[in-house]
Amino acid sequence: LSMKPQSLIHVALGGPYDLALFPQAPAGVATYGDVPVSLEALSKALA
């Protein structure tokens, strides 16, 4: 984040509470787990 302060996307793969750790991240996304359908959905969302 210190290197890419304007171009870092933080994705919380487990609990969404990780999002609170990096409030300065330009973008934050939560998936609530990493089962295959969640990762497939994340791929579509990022695209």
ModelCIF file with pLDDT and N, C-alpha, C, O atoms, coordinates in Angstrom:
data_MODEL
#
_entry.id   MODEL 
#
_entity.id                         1 
_entity.type                       polymer 
_entity.pdbx_number_of_molecules   1 
#
_entity_poly.entity_id                      1 
_entity_poly.type                           'polypeptide(L)' 
_entity_poly.nstd_linkage                   no 
_entity_poly.nstd_monomer                   no 
_entity_poly.pdbx_seq_one_letter_code       LSMKPQSLIHVALGGPYDLALFPQAPAGVATYGDVPVSLEALSKALA 
_entity_poly.pdbx_seq_one_letter_code_can   LSMKPQSLIHVALGGPYDLALFPQAPAGVATYGDVPVSLEALSKALA 
_entity_poly.pdbx_strand_id                 A 
#
loop_
_entity_poly_seq.entity_id 
_entity_poly_seq.num 
_entity_poly_seq.mon_id 
_entity_poly_seq.hetero 
1 1  LEU n 
1 2  SER n 
1 3  MET n 
1 4  LYS n 
1 5  PRO n 
1 6  GLN n 
1 7  SER n 
1 8  LEU n 
1 9  ILE n 
1 10 HIS n 
1 11 VAL n 
1 12 ALA n 
1 13 LEU n 
1 14 GLY n 
1 15 GLY n 
1 16 PRO n 
1 17 TYR n 
1 18 ASP n 
1 19 LEU n 
1 20 ALA n 
1 21 LEU n 
1 22 PHE n 
1 23 PRO n 
1 24 GLN n 
1 25 ALA n 
1 26 PRO n 
1 27 ALA n 
1 28 GLY n 
1 29 VAL n 
1 30 ALA n 
1 31 THR n 
1 32 TYR n 
1 33 GLY n 
1 34 ASP n 
1 35 VAL n 
1 36 PRO n 
1 37 VAL n 
1 38 SER n 
1 39 LEU n 
1 40 GLU n 
1 41 ALA n 
1 42 LEU n 
1 43 SER n 
1 44 LYS n 
1 45 ALA n 
1 46 LEU n 
1 47 ALA n 
#
_struct_asym.id          A 
_struct_asym.entity_id   1 
#
loop_
_ma_qa_metric.id 
_ma_qa_metric.mode 
_ma_qa_metric.name 
_ma_qa_metric.software_group_id 
_ma_qa_metric.type 
1 global pLDDT . pLDDT 
2 local  pLDDT . pLDDT 
#
_ma_qa_metric_global.metric_id      1 
_ma_qa_metric_global.metric_value   96.68 
_ma_qa_metric_global.model_id       1 
_ma_qa_metric_global.ordinal_id     1 
#
loop_
_ma_qa_metric_local.label_asym_id 
_ma_qa_metric_local.label_comp_id 
_ma_qa_metric_local.label_seq_id 
_ma_qa_metric_local.metric_id 
_ma_qa_metric_local.metric_value 
_ma_qa_metric_local.model_id 
_ma_qa_metric_local.ordinal_id 
A LEU 1  2 96.00 1 1  
A SER 2  2 95.00 1 2  
A MET 3  2 93.00 1 3  
A LYS 4  2 94.00 1 4  
A PRO 5  2 95.00 1 5  
A GLN 6  2 96.00 1 6  
A SER 7  2 97.00 1 7  
A LEU 8  2 98.00 1 8  
A ILE 9  2 98.00 1 9  
A HIS 10 2 98.00 1 10 
A VAL 11 2 98.00 1 11 
A ALA 12 2 97.00 1 12 
A LEU 13 2 95.00 1 13 
A GLY 14 2 93.00 1 14 
A GLY 15 2 95.00 1 15 
A PRO 16 2 97.00 1 16 
A TYR 17 2 97.00 1 17 
A ASP 18 2 97.00 1 18 
A LEU 19 2 97.00 1 19 
A ALA 20 2 97.00 1 20 
A LEU 21 2 97.00 1 21 
A PHE 22 2 97.00 1 22 
A PRO 23 2 96.00 1 23 
A GLN 24 2 96.00 1 24 
A ALA 25 2 98.00 1 25 
A PRO 26 2 98.00 1 26 
A ALA 27 2 98.00 1 27 
A GLY 28 2 98.00 1 28 
A VAL 29 2 98.00 1 29 
A ALA 30 2 98.00 1 30 
A THR 31 2 98.00 1 31 
A TYR 32 2 98.00 1 32 
A GLY 33 2 96.00 1 33 
A ASP 34 2 95.00 1 34 
A VAL 35 2 96.00 1 35 
A PRO 36 2 96.00 1 36 
A VAL 37 2 97.00 1 37 
A SER 38 2 98.00 1 38 
A LEU 39 2 97.00 1 39 
A GLU 40 2 97.00 1 40 
A ALA 41 2 98.00 1 41 
A LEU 42 2 98.00 1 42 
A SER 43 2 97.00 1 43 
A LYS 44 2 97.00 1 44 
A ALA 45 2 97.00 1 45 
A LEU 46 2 97.00 1 46 
A ALA 47 2 95.00 1 47 
#
loop_
_atom_site.group_PDB 
_atom_site.id 
_atom_site.type_symbol 
_atom_site.label_atom_id 
_atom_site.label_alt_id 
_atom_site.label_comp_id 
_atom_site.label_asym_id 
_atom_site.label_entity_id 
_atom_site.label_seq_id 
_atom_site.pdbx_PDB_ins_code 
_atom_site.Cartn_x 
_atom_site.Cartn_y 
_atom_site.Cartn_z 
_atom_site.occupancy 
_atom_site.B_iso_or_equiv 
_atom_site.pdbx_formal_charge 
_atom_site.auth_seq_id 
_atom_site.auth_comp_id 
_atom_site.auth_asym_id 
_atom_site.auth_atom_id 
_atom_site.pdbx_PDB_model_num 
ATOM 1   N N  . LEU A 1 1  ? 0.819   -1.208  0.000   1.00 96.00 ? 1  LEU A N  1 
ATOM 2   C CA . LEU A 1 1  ? 0.000   0.000   0.000   1.00 96.00 ? 1  LEU A CA 1 
ATOM 3   C C  . LEU A 1 1  ? 0.854   1.260   0.000   1.00 96.00 ? 1  LEU A C  1 
ATOM 4   O O  . LEU A 1 1  ? 0.499   2.263   -0.618  1.00 96.00 ? 1  LEU A O  1 
ATOM 5   N N  . SER A 1 2  ? 1.982   1.196   0.699   1.00 95.00 ? 2  SER A N  1 
ATOM 6   C CA . SER A 1 2  ? 2.875   2.355   0.731   1.00 95.00 ? 2  SER A CA 1 
ATOM 7   C C  . SER A 1 2  ? 3.492   2.624   -0.636  1.00 95.00 ? 2  SER A C  1 
ATOM 8   O O  . SER A 1 2  ? 3.844   3.759   -0.958  1.00 95.00 ? 2  SER A O  1 
ATOM 9   N N  . MET A 1 3  ? 3.620   1.557   -1.444  1.00 93.00 ? 3  MET A N  1 
ATOM 10  C CA . MET A 1 3  ? 4.197   1.697   -2.778  1.00 93.00 ? 3  MET A CA 1 
ATOM 11  C C  . MET A 1 3  ? 3.145   2.055   -3.824  1.00 93.00 ? 3  MET A C  1 
ATOM 12  O O  . MET A 1 3  ? 3.431   2.769   -4.785  1.00 93.00 ? 3  MET A O  1 
ATOM 13  N N  . LYS A 1 4  ? 1.932   1.556   -3.629  1.00 94.00 ? 4  LYS A N  1 
ATOM 14  C CA . LYS A 1 4  ? 0.861   1.759   -4.605  1.00 94.00 ? 4  LYS A CA 1 
ATOM 15  C C  . LYS A 1 4  ? -0.337  2.416   -3.917  1.00 94.00 ? 4  LYS A C  1 
ATOM 16  O O  . LYS A 1 4  ? -1.416  1.825   -3.886  1.00 94.00 ? 4  LYS A O  1 
ATOM 17  N N  . PRO A 1 5  ? -0.180  3.605   -3.373  1.00 95.00 ? 5  PRO A N  1 
ATOM 18  C CA . PRO A 1 5  ? -1.260  4.205   -2.583  1.00 95.00 ? 5  PRO A CA 1 
ATOM 19  C C  . PRO A 1 5  ? -2.507  4.543   -3.393  1.00 95.00 ? 5  PRO A C  1 
ATOM 20  O O  . PRO A 1 5  ? -3.583  4.717   -2.822  1.00 95.00 ? 5  PRO A O  1 
ATOM 21  N N  . GLN A 1 6  ? -2.377  4.640   -4.718  1.00 96.00 ? 6  GLN A N  1 
ATOM 22  C CA . GLN A 1 6  ? -3.530  4.988   -5.543  1.00 96.00 ? 6  GLN A CA 1 
ATOM 23  C C  . GLN A 1 6  ? -4.024  3.830   -6.413  1.00 96.00 ? 6  GLN A C  1 
ATOM 24  O O  . GLN A 1 6  ? -5.015  3.970   -7.129  1.00 96.00 ? 6  GLN A O  1 
ATOM 25  N N  . SER A 1 7  ? -3.344  2.701   -6.352  1.00 97.00 ? 7  SER A N  1 
ATOM 26  C CA . SER A 1 7  ? -3.692  1.632   -7.293  1.00 97.00 ? 7  SER A CA 1 
ATOM 27  C C  . SER A 1 7  ? -3.701  0.251   -6.642  1.00 97.00 ? 7  SER A C  1 
ATOM 28  O O  . SER A 1 7  ? -3.405  -0.746  -7.301  1.00 97.00 ? 7  SER A O  1 
ATOM 29  N N  . LEU A 1 8  ? -4.040  0.184   -5.345  1.00 98.00 ? 8  LEU A N  1 
ATOM 30  C CA . LEU A 1 8  ? -4.101  -1.102  -4.660  1.00 98.00 ? 8  LEU A CA 1 
ATOM 31  C C  . LEU A 1 8  ? -5.548  -1.455  -4.325  1.00 98.00 ? 8  LEU A C  1 
ATOM 32  O O  . LEU A 1 8  ? -6.302  -0.644  -3.787  1.00 98.00 ? 8  LEU A O  1 
ATOM 33  N N  . ILE A 1 9  ? -5.902  -2.672  -4.655  1.00 98.00 ? 9  ILE A N  1 
ATOM 34  C CA . ILE A 1 9  ? -7.234  -3.209  -4.350  1.00 98.00 ? 9  ILE A CA 1 
ATOM 35  C C  . ILE A 1 9  ? -7.063  -4.278  -3.285  1.00 98.00 ? 9  ILE A C  1 
ATOM 36  O O  . ILE A 1 9  ? -6.326  -5.244  -3.484  1.00 98.00 ? 9  ILE A O  1 
ATOM 37  N N  . HIS A 1 10 ? -7.735  -4.114  -2.166  1.00 98.00 ? 10 HIS A N  1 
ATOM 38  C CA . HIS A 1 10 ? -7.668  -5.109  -1.102  1.00 98.00 ? 10 HIS A CA 1 
ATOM 39  C C  . HIS A 1 10 ? -8.903  -5.998  -1.174  1.00 98.00 ? 10 HIS A C  1 
ATOM 40  O O  . HIS A 1 10 ? -10.032 -5.507  -1.179  1.00 98.00 ? 10 HIS A O  1 
ATOM 41  N N  . VAL A 1 11 ? -8.681  -7.303  -1.230  1.00 98.00 ? 11 VAL A N  1 
ATOM 42  C CA . VAL A 1 11 ? -9.779  -8.265  -1.271  1.00 98.00 ? 11 VAL A CA 1 
ATOM 43  C C  . VAL A 1 11 ? -9.711  -9.134  -0.016  1.00 98.00 ? 11 VAL A C  1 
ATOM 44  O O  . VAL A 1 11 ? -8.732  -9.848  0.196   1.00 98.00 ? 11 VAL A O  1 
ATOM 45  N N  . ALA A 1 12 ? -10.758 -9.071  0.816   1.00 97.00 ? 12 ALA A N  1 
ATOM 46  C CA . ALA A 1 12 ? -10.846 -9.900  2.021   1.00 97.00 ? 12 ALA A CA 1 
ATOM 47  C C  . ALA A 1 12 ? -11.483 -11.229 1.641   1.00 97.00 ? 12 ALA A C  1 
ATOM 48  O O  . ALA A 1 12 ? -12.686 -11.301 1.390   1.00 97.00 ? 12 ALA A O  1 
ATOM 49  N N  . LEU A 1 13 ? -10.667 -12.282 1.601   1.00 95.00 ? 13 LEU A N  1 
ATOM 50  C CA . LEU A 1 13 ? -11.160 -13.604 1.191   1.00 95.00 ? 13 LEU A CA 1 
ATOM 51  C C  . LEU A 1 13 ? -11.900 -14.333 2.300   1.00 95.00 ? 13 LEU A C  1 
ATOM 52  O O  . LEU A 1 13 ? -12.739 -15.190 2.022   1.00 95.00 ? 13 LEU A O  1 
ATOM 53  N N  . GLY A 1 14 ? -11.603 -14.009 3.553   1.00 93.00 ? 14 GLY A N  1 
ATOM 54  C CA . GLY A 1 14 ? -12.273 -14.658 4.671   1.00 93.00 ? 14 GLY A CA 1 
ATOM 55  C C  . GLY A 1 14 ? -13.295 -13.716 5.283   1.00 93.00 ? 14 GLY A C  1 
ATOM 56  O O  . GLY A 1 14 ? -14.217 -13.254 4.612   1.00 93.00 ? 14 GLY A O  1 
ATOM 57  N N  . GLY A 1 15 ? -13.114 -13.436 6.585   1.00 95.00 ? 15 GLY A N  1 
ATOM 58  C CA . GLY A 1 15 ? -14.019 -12.505 7.227   1.00 95.00 ? 15 GLY A CA 1 
ATOM 59  C C  . GLY A 1 15 ? -13.860 -11.101 6.675   1.00 95.00 ? 15 GLY A C  1 
ATOM 60  O O  . GLY A 1 15 ? -12.745 -10.688 6.354   1.00 95.00 ? 15 GLY A O  1 
ATOM 61  N N  . PRO A 1 16 ? -14.960 -10.356 6.557   1.00 97.00 ? 16 PRO A N  1 
ATOM 62  C CA . PRO A 1 16 ? -14.879 -8.998  6.018   1.00 97.00 ? 16 PRO A CA 1 
ATOM 63  C C  . PRO A 1 16 ? -14.207 -8.016  6.967   1.00 97.00 ? 16 PRO A C  1 
ATOM 64  O O  . PRO A 1 16 ? -13.949 -6.870  6.598   1.00 97.00 ? 16 PRO A O  1 
ATOM 65  N N  . TYR A 1 17 ? -13.926 -8.459  8.181   1.00 97.00 ? 17 TYR A N  1 
ATOM 66  C CA . TYR A 1 17 ? -13.316 -7.579  9.173   1.00 97.00 ? 17 TYR A CA 1 
ATOM 67  C C  . TYR A 1 17 ? -11.931 -7.104  8.743   1.00 97.00 ? 17 TYR A C  1 
ATOM 68  O O  . TYR A 1 17 ? -11.449 -6.081  9.231   1.00 97.00 ? 17 TYR A O  1 
ATOM 69  N N  . ASP A 1 18 ? -11.289 -7.836  7.836   1.00 97.00 ? 18 ASP A N  1 
ATOM 70  C CA . ASP A 1 18 ? -9.989  -7.393  7.314   1.00 97.00 ? 18 ASP A CA 1 
ATOM 71  C C  . ASP A 1 18 ? -10.093 -6.033  6.637   1.00 97.00 ? 18 ASP A C  1 
ATOM 72  O O  . ASP A 1 18 ? -9.113  -5.290  6.592   1.00 97.00 ? 18 ASP A O  1 
ATOM 73  N N  . LEU A 1 19 ? -11.270 -5.698  6.110   1.00 97.00 ? 19 LEU A N  1 
ATOM 74  C CA . LEU A 1 19 ? -11.425 -4.420  5.419   1.00 97.00 ? 19 LEU A CA 1 
ATOM 75  C C  . LEU A 1 19 ? -11.148 -3.243  6.350   1.00 97.00 ? 19 LEU A C  1 
ATOM 76  O O  . LEU A 1 19 ? -10.683 -2.191  5.912   1.00 97.00 ? 19 LEU A O  1 
ATOM 77  N N  . ALA A 1 20 ? -11.436 -3.429  7.632   1.00 97.00 ? 20 ALA A N  1 
ATOM 78  C CA . ALA A 1 20 ? -11.216 -2.342  8.594   1.00 97.00 ? 20 ALA A CA 1 
ATOM 79  C C  . ALA A 1 20 ? -9.741  -2.117  8.888   1.00 97.00 ? 20 ALA A C  1 
ATOM 80  O O  . ALA A 1 20 ? -9.370  -1.076  9.430   1.00 97.00 ? 20 ALA A O  1 
ATOM 81  N N  . LEU A 1 21 ? -8.895  -3.082  8.538   1.00 97.00 ? 21 LEU A N  1 
ATOM 82  C CA . LEU A 1 21 ? -7.467  -2.966  8.825   1.00 97.00 ? 21 LEU A CA 1 
ATOM 83  C C  . LEU A 1 21 ? -6.763  -2.003  7.872   1.00 97.00 ? 21 LEU A C  1 
ATOM 84  O O  . LEU A 1 21 ? -5.727  -1.427  8.202   1.00 97.00 ? 21 LEU A O  1 
ATOM 85  N N  . PHE A 1 22 ? -7.347  -1.840  6.681   1.00 97.00 ? 22 PHE A N  1 
ATOM 86  C CA . PHE A 1 22 ? -6.673  -1.042  5.654   1.00 97.00 ? 22 PHE A CA 1 
ATOM 87  C C  . PHE A 1 22 ? -7.632  0.001   5.077   1.00 97.00 ? 22 PHE A C  1 
ATOM 88  O O  . PHE A 1 22 ? -7.942  -0.036  3.887   1.00 97.00 ? 22 PHE A O  1 
ATOM 89  N N  . PRO A 1 23 ? -8.102  0.927   5.913   1.00 96.00 ? 23 PRO A N  1 
ATOM 90  C CA . PRO A 1 23 ? -9.080  1.918   5.432   1.00 96.00 ? 23 PRO A CA 1 
ATOM 91  C C  . PRO A 1 23 ? -8.509  2.824   4.347   1.00 96.00 ? 23 PRO A C  1 
ATOM 92  O O  . PRO A 1 23 ? -9.258  3.411   3.566   1.00 96.00 ? 23 PRO A O  1 
ATOM 93  N N  . GLN A 1 24 ? -7.173  2.939   4.299   1.00 96.00 ? 24 GLN A N  1 
ATOM 94  C CA . GLN A 1 24 ? -6.568  3.824   3.294   1.00 96.00 ? 24 GLN A CA 1 
ATOM 95  C C  . GLN A 1 24 ? -6.440  3.162   1.922   1.00 96.00 ? 24 GLN A C  1 
ATOM 96  O O  . GLN A 1 24 ? -6.052  3.821   0.958   1.00 96.00 ? 24 GLN A O  1 
ATOM 97  N N  . ALA A 1 25 ? -6.760  1.874   1.819   1.00 98.00 ? 25 ALA A N  1 
ATOM 98  C CA . ALA A 1 25 ? -6.698  1.213   0.515   1.00 98.00 ? 25 ALA A CA 1 
ATOM 99  C C  . ALA A 1 25 ? -7.710  1.866   -0.419  1.00 98.00 ? 25 ALA A C  1 
ATOM 100 O O  . ALA A 1 25 ? -8.856  2.075   -0.019  1.00 98.00 ? 25 ALA A O  1 
ATOM 101 N N  . PRO A 1 26 ? -7.327  2.193   -1.640  1.00 98.00 ? 26 PRO A N  1 
ATOM 102 C CA . PRO A 1 26 ? -8.250  2.861   -2.560  1.00 98.00 ? 26 PRO A CA 1 
ATOM 103 C C  . PRO A 1 26 ? -9.527  2.073   -2.838  1.00 98.00 ? 26 PRO A C  1 
ATOM 104 O O  . PRO A 1 26 ? -10.590 2.656   -3.053  1.00 98.00 ? 26 PRO A O  1 
ATOM 105 N N  . ALA A 1 27 ? -9.419  0.740   -2.833  1.00 98.00 ? 27 ALA A N  1 
ATOM 106 C CA . ALA A 1 27 ? -10.591 -0.099  -3.088  1.00 98.00 ? 27 ALA A CA 1 
ATOM 107 C C  . ALA A 1 27 ? -10.592 -1.277  -2.128  1.00 98.00 ? 27 ALA A C  1 
ATOM 108 O O  . ALA A 1 27 ? -9.536  -1.820  -1.804  1.00 98.00 ? 27 ALA A O  1 
ATOM 109 N N  . GLY A 1 28 ? -11.778 -1.674  -1.673  1.00 98.00 ? 28 GLY A N  1 
ATOM 110 C CA . GLY A 1 28 ? -11.914 -2.809  -0.774  1.00 98.00 ? 28 GLY A CA 1 
ATOM 111 C C  . GLY A 1 28 ? -13.076 -3.693  -1.178  1.00 98.00 ? 28 GLY A C  1 
ATOM 112 O O  . GLY A 1 28 ? -14.174 -3.200  -1.436  1.00 98.00 ? 28 GLY A O  1 
ATOM 113 N N  . VAL A 1 29 ? -12.841 -5.010  -1.236  1.00 98.00 ? 29 VAL A N  1 
ATOM 114 C CA . VAL A 1 29 ? -13.846 -5.975  -1.681  1.00 98.00 ? 29 VAL A CA 1 
ATOM 115 C C  . VAL A 1 29 ? -13.900 -7.122  -0.674  1.00 98.00 ? 29 VAL A C  1 
ATOM 116 O O  . VAL A 1 29 ? -12.870 -7.529  -0.137  1.00 98.00 ? 29 VAL A O  1 
ATOM 117 N N  . ALA A 1 30 ? -15.103 -7.643  -0.420  1.00 98.00 ? 30 ALA A N  1 
ATOM 118 C CA . ALA A 1 30 ? -15.274 -8.794  0.480   1.00 98.00 ? 30 ALA A CA 1 
ATOM 119 C C  . ALA A 1 30 ? -15.953 -9.931  -0.259  1.00 98.00 ? 30 ALA A C  1 
ATOM 120 O O  . ALA A 1 30 ? -16.893 -9.714  -1.024  1.00 98.00 ? 30 ALA A O  1 
ATOM 121 N N  . THR A 1 31 ? -15.467 -11.155 -0.024  1.00 98.00 ? 31 THR A N  1 
ATOM 122 C CA . THR A 1 31 ? -16.055 -12.346 -0.654  1.00 98.00 ? 31 THR A CA 1 
ATOM 123 C C  . THR A 1 31 ? -16.701 -13.289 0.352   1.00 98.00 ? 31 THR A C  1 
ATOM 124 O O  . THR A 1 31 ? -17.511 -14.130 -0.039  1.00 98.00 ? 31 THR A O  1 
ATOM 125 N N  . TYR A 1 32 ? -16.365 -13.175 1.640   1.00 98.00 ? 32 TYR A N  1 
ATOM 126 C CA . TYR A 1 32 ? -16.933 -14.014 2.713   1.00 98.00 ? 32 TYR A CA 1 
ATOM 127 C C  . TYR A 1 32 ? -16.588 -15.495 2.527   1.00 98.00 ? 32 TYR A C  1 
ATOM 128 O O  . TYR A 1 32 ? -17.402 -16.373 2.810   1.00 98.00 ? 32 TYR A O  1 
ATOM 129 N N  . GLY A 1 33 ? -15.376 -15.754 2.052   1.00 96.00 ? 33 GLY A N  1 
ATOM 130 C CA . GLY A 1 33 ? -14.945 -17.136 1.900   1.00 96.00 ? 33 GLY A CA 1 
ATOM 131 C C  . GLY A 1 33 ? -14.346 -17.370 0.524   1.00 96.00 ? 33 GLY A C  1 
ATOM 132 O O  . GLY A 1 33 ? -14.470 -16.545 -0.381  1.00 96.00 ? 33 GLY A O  1 
ATOM 133 N N  . ASP A 1 34 ? -13.685 -18.529 0.390   1.00 95.00 ? 34 ASP A N  1 
ATOM 134 C CA . ASP A 1 34 ? -12.985 -18.817 -0.866  1.00 95.00 ? 34 ASP A CA 1 
ATOM 135 C C  . ASP A 1 34 ? -13.414 -20.138 -1.481  1.00 95.00 ? 34 ASP A C  1 
ATOM 136 O O  . ASP A 1 34 ? -12.609 -20.820 -2.116  1.00 95.00 ? 34 ASP A O  1 
ATOM 137 N N  . VAL A 1 35 ? -14.684 -20.506 -1.294  1.00 96.00 ? 35 VAL A N  1 
ATOM 138 C CA . VAL A 1 35 ? -15.167 -21.699 -1.989  1.00 96.00 ? 35 VAL A CA 1 
ATOM 139 C C  . VAL A 1 35 ? -15.184 -21.399 -3.488  1.00 96.00 ? 35 VAL A C  1 
ATOM 140 O O  . VAL A 1 35 ? -15.232 -20.232 -3.878  1.00 96.00 ? 35 VAL A O  1 
ATOM 141 N N  . PRO A 1 36 ? -15.146 -22.431 -4.333  1.00 96.00 ? 36 PRO A N  1 
ATOM 142 C CA . PRO A 1 36 ? -15.024 -22.191 -5.773  1.00 96.00 ? 36 PRO A CA 1 
ATOM 143 C C  . PRO A 1 36 ? -16.053 -21.223 -6.361  1.00 96.00 ? 36 PRO A C  1 
ATOM 144 O O  . PRO A 1 36 ? -15.699 -20.387 -7.194  1.00 96.00 ? 36 PRO A O  1 
ATOM 145 N N  . VAL A 1 37 ? -17.322 -21.320 -5.943  1.00 97.00 ? 37 VAL A N  1 
ATOM 146 C CA . VAL A 1 37 ? -18.309 -20.411 -6.542  1.00 97.00 ? 37 VAL A CA 1 
ATOM 147 C C  . VAL A 1 37 ? -18.056 -18.964 -6.138  1.00 97.00 ? 37 VAL A C  1 
ATOM 148 O O  . VAL A 1 37 ? -18.350 -18.048 -6.906  1.00 97.00 ? 37 VAL A O  1 
ATOM 149 N N  . SER A 1 38 ? -17.515 -18.747 -4.939  1.00 98.00 ? 38 SER A N  1 
ATOM 150 C CA . SER A 1 38 ? -17.199 -17.380 -4.517  1.00 98.00 ? 38 SER A CA 1 
ATOM 151 C C  . SER A 1 38 ? -16.051 -16.814 -5.335  1.00 98.00 ? 38 SER A C  1 
ATOM 152 O O  . SER A 1 38 ? -16.062 -15.635 -5.689  1.00 98.00 ? 38 SER A O  1 
ATOM 153 N N  . LEU A 1 39 ? -15.058 -17.644 -5.638  1.00 97.00 ? 39 LEU A N  1 
ATOM 154 C CA . LEU A 1 39 ? -13.936 -17.178 -6.454  1.00 97.00 ? 39 LEU A CA 1 
ATOM 155 C C  . LEU A 1 39 ? -14.359 -16.968 -7.909  1.00 97.00 ? 39 LEU A C  1 
ATOM 156 O O  . LEU A 1 39 ? -13.881 -16.049 -8.575  1.00 97.00 ? 39 LEU A O  1 
ATOM 157 N N  . GLU A 1 40 ? -15.254 -17.821 -8.394  1.00 97.00 ? 40 GLU A N  1 
ATOM 158 C CA . GLU A 1 40 ? -15.772 -17.614 -9.752  1.00 97.00 ? 40 GLU A CA 1 
ATOM 159 C C  . GLU A 1 40 ? -16.544 -16.300 -9.821  1.00 97.00 ? 40 GLU A C  1 
ATOM 160 O O  . GLU A 1 40 ? -16.414 -15.540 -10.780 1.00 97.00 ? 40 GLU A O  1 
ATOM 161 N N  . ALA A 1 41 ? -17.354 -16.043 -8.784  1.00 98.00 ? 41 ALA A N  1 
ATOM 162 C CA . ALA A 1 41 ? -18.107 -14.791 -8.750  1.00 98.00 ? 41 ALA A CA 1 
ATOM 163 C C  . ALA A 1 41 ? -17.175 -13.588 -8.637  1.00 98.00 ? 41 ALA A C  1 
ATOM 164 O O  . ALA A 1 41 ? -17.409 -12.556 -9.266  1.00 98.00 ? 41 ALA A O  1 
ATOM 165 N N  . LEU A 1 42 ? -16.117 -13.721 -7.833  1.00 98.00 ? 42 LEU A N  1 
ATOM 166 C CA . LEU A 1 42 ? -15.145 -12.636 -7.691  1.00 98.00 ? 42 LEU A CA 1 
ATOM 167 C C  . LEU A 1 42 ? -14.478 -12.346 -9.035  1.00 98.00 ? 42 LEU A C  1 
ATOM 168 O O  . LEU A 1 42 ? -14.292 -11.185 -9.399  1.00 98.00 ? 42 LEU A O  1 
ATOM 169 N N  . SER A 1 43 ? -14.121 -13.390 -9.766  1.00 97.00 ? 43 SER A N  1 
ATOM 170 C CA . SER A 1 43 ? -13.498 -13.211 -11.082 1.00 97.00 ? 43 SER A CA 1 
ATOM 171 C C  . SER A 1 43 ? -14.391 -12.397 -11.999 1.00 97.00 ? 43 SER A C  1 
ATOM 172 O O  . SER A 1 43 ? -13.925 -11.494 -12.694 1.00 97.00 ? 43 SER A O  1 
ATOM 173 N N  . LYS A 1 44 ? -15.672 -12.717 -11.997 1.00 97.00 ? 44 LYS A N  1 
ATOM 174 C CA . LYS A 1 44 ? -16.616 -11.995 -12.845 1.00 97.00 ? 44 LYS A CA 1 
ATOM 175 C C  . LYS A 1 44 ? -16.764 -10.544 -12.393 1.00 97.00 ? 44 LYS A C  1 
ATOM 176 O O  . LYS A 1 44 ? -16.871 -9.634  -13.216 1.00 97.00 ? 44 LYS A O  1 
ATOM 177 N N  . ALA A 1 45 ? -16.768 -10.339 -11.074 1.00 97.00 ? 45 ALA A N  1 
ATOM 178 C CA . ALA A 1 45 ? -16.921 -8.980  -10.556 1.00 97.00 ? 45 ALA A CA 1 
ATOM 179 C C  . ALA A 1 45 ? -15.705 -8.123  -10.906 1.00 97.00 ? 45 ALA A C  1 
ATOM 180 O O  . ALA A 1 45 ? -15.854 -6.970  -11.313 1.00 97.00 ? 45 ALA A O  1 
ATOM 181 N N  . LEU A 1 46 ? -14.503 -8.682  -10.750 1.00 97.00 ? 46 LEU A N  1 
ATOM 182 C CA . LEU A 1 46 ? -13.294 -7.923  -11.062 1.00 97.00 ? 46 LEU A CA 1 
ATOM 183 C C  . LEU A 1 46 ? -13.208 -7.601  -12.559 1.00 97.00 ? 46 LEU A C  1 
ATOM 184 O O  . LEU A 1 46 ? -12.656 -6.574  -12.953 1.00 97.00 ? 46 LEU A O  1 
ATOM 185 N N  . ALA A 1 47 ? -13.758 -8.487  -13.375 1.00 95.00 ? 47 ALA A N  1 
ATOM 186 C CA . ALA A 1 47 ? -13.725 -8.281  -14.826 1.00 95.00 ? 47 ALA A CA 1 
ATOM 187 C C  . ALA A 1 47 ? -14.850 -7.360  -15.304 1.00 95.00 ? 47 ALA A C  1 
ATOM 188 O O  . ALA A 1 47 ? -14.958 -7.087  -16.500 1.00 95.00 ? 47 ALA A O  1 
#
